[in-house]
Amino acid sequence: MHTLDLDYVRLAYRSDLHVLFLRWTRPVSSAEHQEGYQAALSLARQMQVGHWLIDLRTRGLASAEDFRWVMVDFRLTLAAALPDLDRRLAYFVTPYHAMLIQERQREIEATNPLPAHTPTAVQAFTEERFAQQWLAAKP
């Protein structure tokens, strides 16, 4: 297992599952938010993994602006970095946060459609096993 522990996020690549785990350990600033995703992308490039499980239960949701950054800017960066891989982001959250993520995602995708060649699926889950099943499913 390849791991990287920052002060605010633990990254772990599980080769048996072919999944990159991001477990946020505390609330973060916008800069830390972006740095955490960039660190994860660096590990994902190294391991060639497009399926990520992002645990937000300890950290909570990002601000609306930071979530927009992930949904628009970072998804484009991820697609460019791993163009030949199926890309999925599974968010592991509380039930209330799952509803907020879905609402924010609908709003962002309605106003900022991504080009067809850059699909990265995003889904919120309140149980980790369902997130892992979704990540393991064939595209």
C-alpha atoms as a PDB file:
ATOM      1  CA  MET A   1       0.000   0.000   0.000  1.00  0.00           C
ATOM      2  CA  HIS A   2       1.325   3.438  -0.934  1.00  0.00           C
ATOM      3  CA  THR A   3       0.507   6.175   1.581  1.00  0.00           C
ATOM      4  CA  LEU A   4       1.089   9.858   2.209  1.00  0.00           C
ATOM      5  CA  ASP A   5       0.093  11.580   5.434  1.00  0.00           C
ATOM      6  CA  LEU A   6      -0.278  15.332   5.445  1.00  0.00           C
ATOM      7  CA  ASP A   7      -1.414  17.277   8.491  1.00  0.00           C
ATOM      8  CA  TYR A   8      -4.986  17.384   7.200  1.00  0.00           C
ATOM      9  CA  VAL A   9      -5.435  14.422   4.836  1.00  0.00           C
ATOM     10  CA  ARG A  10      -4.283  10.814   4.669  1.00  0.00           C
ATOM     11  CA  LEU A  11      -3.790   9.375   1.204  1.00  0.00           C
ATOM     12  CA  ALA A  12      -3.604   5.635   0.651  1.00  0.00           C
ATOM     13  CA  TYR A  13      -3.588   3.627  -2.547  1.00  0.00           C
ATOM     14  CA  ARG A  14      -4.991   0.104  -2.172  1.00  0.00           C
ATOM     15  CA  SER A  15      -3.670  -1.995  -5.042  1.00  0.00           C
ATOM     16  CA  ASP A  16      -6.025  -4.880  -4.178  1.00  0.00           C
ATOM     17  CA  LEU A  17      -9.021  -2.583  -4.765  1.00  0.00           C
ATOM     18  CA  HIS A  18      -7.293  -0.248  -7.233  1.00  0.00           C
ATOM     19  CA  VAL A  19      -8.735   2.696  -5.267  1.00  0.00           C
ATOM     20  CA  LEU A  20      -7.111   5.858  -3.920  1.00  0.00           C
ATOM     21  CA  PHE A  21      -8.450   6.776  -0.468  1.00  0.00           C
ATOM     22  CA  LEU A  22      -8.470  10.386   0.731  1.00  0.00           C
ATOM     23  CA  ARG A  23      -9.384  10.628   4.391  1.00  0.00           C
ATOM     24  CA  TRP A  24      -9.567  14.240   5.506  1.00  0.00           C
ATOM     25  CA  THR A  25      -8.668  14.526   9.198  1.00  0.00           C
ATOM     26  CA  ARG A  26      -9.838  18.046  10.016  1.00  0.00           C
ATOM     27  CA  PRO A  27     -11.459  21.147   8.499  1.00  0.00           C
ATOM     28  CA  VAL A  28      -9.138  22.818   5.989  1.00  0.00           C
ATOM     29  CA  SER A  29      -8.496  26.193   4.378  1.00  0.00           C
ATOM     30  CA  SER A  30      -9.059  26.701   0.648  1.00  0.00           C
ATOM     31  CA  ALA A  31      -5.311  26.417   0.072  1.00  0.00           C
ATOM     32  CA  GLU A  32      -5.119  23.132   2.008  1.00  0.00           C
ATOM     33  CA  HIS A  33      -8.184  21.862   0.153  1.00  0.00           C
ATOM     34  CA  GLN A  34      -6.505  22.387  -3.207  1.00  0.00           C
ATOM     35  CA  GLU A  35      -3.117  21.136  -1.967  1.00  0.00           C
ATOM     36  CA  GLY A  36      -4.757  17.929  -0.729  1.00  0.00           C
ATOM     37  CA  TYR A  37      -6.378  17.248  -4.088  1.00  0.00           C
ATOM     38  CA  GLN A  38      -3.120  18.040  -5.915  1.00  0.00           C
ATOM     39  CA  ALA A  39      -1.201  15.643  -3.628  1.00  0.00           C
ATOM     40  CA  ALA A  40      -3.818  12.979  -4.352  1.00  0.00           C
ATOM     41  CA  LEU A  41      -3.482  13.624  -8.083  1.00  0.00           C
ATOM     42  CA  SER A  42       0.276  13.174  -7.865  1.00  0.00           C
ATOM     43  CA  LEU A  43      -0.181   9.779  -6.194  1.00  0.00           C
ATOM     44  CA  ALA A  44      -2.946   8.860  -8.666  1.00  0.00           C
ATOM     45  CA  ARG A  45      -0.635   9.595 -11.604  1.00  0.00           C
ATOM     46  CA  GLN A  46       2.093   7.468 -10.062  1.00  0.00           C
ATOM     47  CA  MET A  47      -0.266   4.539  -9.419  1.00  0.00           C
ATOM     48  CA  GLN A  48      -2.445   5.112 -12.515  1.00  0.00           C
ATOM     49  CA  VAL A  49      -5.682   5.062 -10.521  1.00  0.00           C
ATOM     50  CA  GLY A  50      -8.840   6.929 -11.481  1.00  0.00           C
ATOM     51  CA  HIS A  51     -11.164   5.659  -8.736  1.00  0.00           C
ATOM     52  CA  TRP A  52     -11.066   7.724  -5.548  1.00  0.00           C
ATOM     53  CA  LEU A  53     -12.926   7.343  -2.268  1.00  0.00           C
ATOM     54  CA  ILE A  54     -13.006  10.713  -0.494  1.00  0.00           C
ATOM     55  CA  ASP A  55     -13.983  10.563   3.182  1.00  0.00           C
ATOM     56  CA  LEU A  56     -15.395  13.923   4.291  1.00  0.00           C
ATOM     57  CA  ARG A  57     -16.998  12.814   7.553  1.00  0.00           C
ATOM     58  CA  THR A  58     -14.341  14.373   9.803  1.00  0.00           C
ATOM     59  CA  ARG A  59     -13.690  17.452   7.683  1.00  0.00           C
ATOM     60  CA  GLY A  60     -17.190  18.265   6.534  1.00  0.00           C
ATOM     61  CA  LEU A  61     -18.058  19.852   3.217  1.00  0.00           C
ATOM     62  CA  ALA A  62     -15.897  22.334   1.402  1.00  0.00           C
ATOM     63  CA  SER A  63     -17.176  25.823   0.803  1.00  0.00           C
ATOM     64  CA  ALA A  64     -19.349  26.291  -2.271  1.00  0.00           C
ATOM     65  CA  GLU A  65     -16.394  27.926  -4.064  1.00  0.00           C
ATOM     66  CA  ASP A  66     -14.018  25.085  -3.219  1.00  0.00           C
ATOM     67  CA  PHE A  67     -16.589  22.496  -4.294  1.00  0.00           C
ATOM     68  CA  ARG A  68     -17.027  24.356  -7.599  1.00  0.00           C
ATOM     69  CA  TRP A  69     -13.236  24.234  -8.034  1.00  0.00           C
ATOM     70  CA  VAL A  70     -13.310  20.423  -7.669  1.00  0.00           C
ATOM     71  CA  MET A  71     -16.336  19.975  -9.926  1.00  0.00           C
ATOM     72  CA  VAL A  72     -15.055  22.207 -12.731  1.00  0.00           C
ATOM     73  CA  ASP A  73     -11.335  22.990 -12.606  1.00  0.00           C
ATOM     74  CA  PHE A  74     -10.027  19.893 -10.860  1.00  0.00           C
ATOM     75  CA  ARG A  75     -12.146  17.484 -12.904  1.00  0.00           C
ATOM     76  CA  LEU A  76     -10.606  18.956 -16.067  1.00  0.00           C
ATOM     77  CA  THR A  77      -7.125  18.603 -14.547  1.00  0.00           C
ATOM     78  CA  LEU A  78      -7.878  15.019 -13.515  1.00  0.00           C
ATOM     79  CA  ALA A  79      -9.118  14.152 -17.013  1.00  0.00           C
ATOM     80  CA  ALA A  80      -5.980  15.616 -18.585  1.00  0.00           C
ATOM     81  CA  ALA A  81      -3.705  13.801 -16.111  1.00  0.00           C
ATOM     82  CA  LEU A  82      -5.398  10.392 -16.454  1.00  0.00           C
ATOM     83  CA  PRO A  83      -7.025  10.509 -19.900  1.00  0.00           C
ATOM     84  CA  ASP A  84      -7.123   6.763 -20.540  1.00  0.00           C
ATOM     85  CA  LEU A  85      -8.644   5.755 -17.208  1.00  0.00           C
ATOM     86  CA  ASP A  86     -12.217   5.515 -15.985  1.00  0.00           C
ATOM     87  CA  ARG A  87     -12.475   8.333 -13.419  1.00  0.00           C
ATOM     88  CA  ARG A  88     -14.854   8.208 -10.465  1.00  0.00           C
ATOM     89  CA  LEU A  89     -14.971  10.279  -7.285  1.00  0.00           C
ATOM     90  CA  ALA A  90     -16.981   8.655  -4.488  1.00  0.00           C
ATOM     91  CA  TYR A  91     -17.664  10.989  -1.572  1.00  0.00           C
ATOM     92  CA  PHE A  92     -18.261   9.268   1.787  1.00  0.00           C
ATOM     93  CA  VAL A  93     -20.345  11.714   3.843  1.00  0.00           C
ATOM     94  CA  THR A  94     -23.144  12.123   6.364  1.00  0.00           C
ATOM     95  CA  PRO A  95     -26.724  11.886   5.012  1.00  0.00           C
ATOM     96  CA  TYR A  96     -27.252  15.659   5.254  1.00  0.00           C
ATOM     97  CA  HIS A  97     -24.009  16.360   3.410  1.00  0.00           C
ATOM     98  CA  ALA A  98     -24.957  13.836   0.714  1.00  0.00           C
ATOM     99  CA  MET A  99     -28.061  15.887  -0.073  1.00  0.00           C
ATOM    100  CA  LEU A 100     -26.038  19.125  -0.158  1.00  0.00           C
ATOM    101  CA  ILE A 101     -23.435  17.619  -2.484  1.00  0.00           C
ATOM    102  CA  GLN A 102     -26.141  16.412  -4.860  1.00  0.00           C
ATOM    103  CA  GLU A 103     -27.791  19.856  -4.889  1.00  0.00           C
ATOM    104  CA  ARG A 104     -24.497  21.665  -5.460  1.00  0.00           C
ATOM    105  CA  GLN A 105     -23.485  19.196  -8.153  1.00  0.00           C
ATOM    106  CA  ARG A 106     -26.752  19.694 -10.071  1.00  0.00           C
ATOM    107  CA  GLU A 107     -26.394  23.489  -9.910  1.00  0.00           C
ATOM    108  CA  ILE A 108     -22.771  23.450 -11.041  1.00  0.00           C
ATOM    109  CA  GLU A 109     -23.292  20.971 -13.866  1.00  0.00           C
ATOM    110  CA  ALA A 110     -26.306  22.933 -15.129  1.00  0.00           C
ATOM    111  CA  THR A 111     -24.243  26.122 -15.444  1.00  0.00           C
ATOM    112  CA  ASN A 112     -20.785  24.675 -16.220  1.00  0.00           C
ATOM    113  CA  PRO A 113     -21.139  21.644 -18.495  1.00  0.00           C
ATOM    114  CA  LEU A 114     -17.827  19.871 -18.998  1.00  0.00           C
ATOM    115  CA  PRO A 115     -16.689  18.872 -22.484  1.00  0.00           C
ATOM    116  CA  ALA A 116     -17.842  15.369 -23.460  1.00  0.00           C
ATOM    117  CA  HIS A 117     -14.255  14.065 -23.571  1.00  0.00           C
ATOM    118  CA  THR A 118     -13.635  14.827 -19.871  1.00  0.00           C
ATOM    119  CA  PRO A 119     -16.169  12.704 -17.983  1.00  0.00           C
ATOM    120  CA  THR A 120     -15.463  12.067 -14.324  1.00  0.00           C
ATOM    121  CA  ALA A 121     -18.375  10.531 -12.448  1.00  0.00           C
ATOM    122  CA  VAL A 122     -19.117  11.950  -8.996  1.00  0.00           C
ATOM    123  CA  GLN A 123     -21.415  10.318  -6.460  1.00  0.00           C
ATOM    124  CA  ALA A 124     -22.073  10.824  -2.730  1.00  0.00           C
ATOM    125  CA  PHE A 125     -22.504   7.851  -0.396  1.00  0.00           C
ATOM    126  CA  THR A 126     -23.448   7.540   3.251  1.00  0.00           C
ATOM    127  CA  GLU A 127     -22.022   4.013   3.575  1.00  0.00           C
ATOM    128  CA  GLU A 128     -18.481   3.124   2.591  1.00  0.00           C
ATOM    129  CA  ARG A 129     -19.336  -0.348   1.285  1.00  0.00           C
ATOM    130  CA  PHE A 130     -21.734   1.129  -1.302  1.00  0.00           C
ATOM    131  CA  ALA A 131     -19.062   3.603  -2.370  1.00  0.00           C
ATOM    132  CA  GLN A 132     -16.576   0.763  -2.799  1.00  0.00           C
ATOM    133  CA  GLN A 133     -19.110  -1.298  -4.768  1.00  0.00           C
ATOM    134  CA  TRP A 134     -19.717   1.648  -7.113  1.00  0.00           C
ATOM    135  CA  LEU A 135     -15.989   2.150  -7.572  1.00  0.00           C
ATOM    136  CA  ALA A 136     -15.479  -1.570  -8.280  1.00  0.00           C
ATOM    137  CA  ALA A 137     -18.290  -1.792 -10.855  1.00  0.00           C
ATOM    138  CA  LYS A 138     -17.306  -2.043 -14.490  1.00  0.00           C
ATOM    139  CA  PRO A 139     -17.779   1.153 -16.536  1.00  0.00           C
END
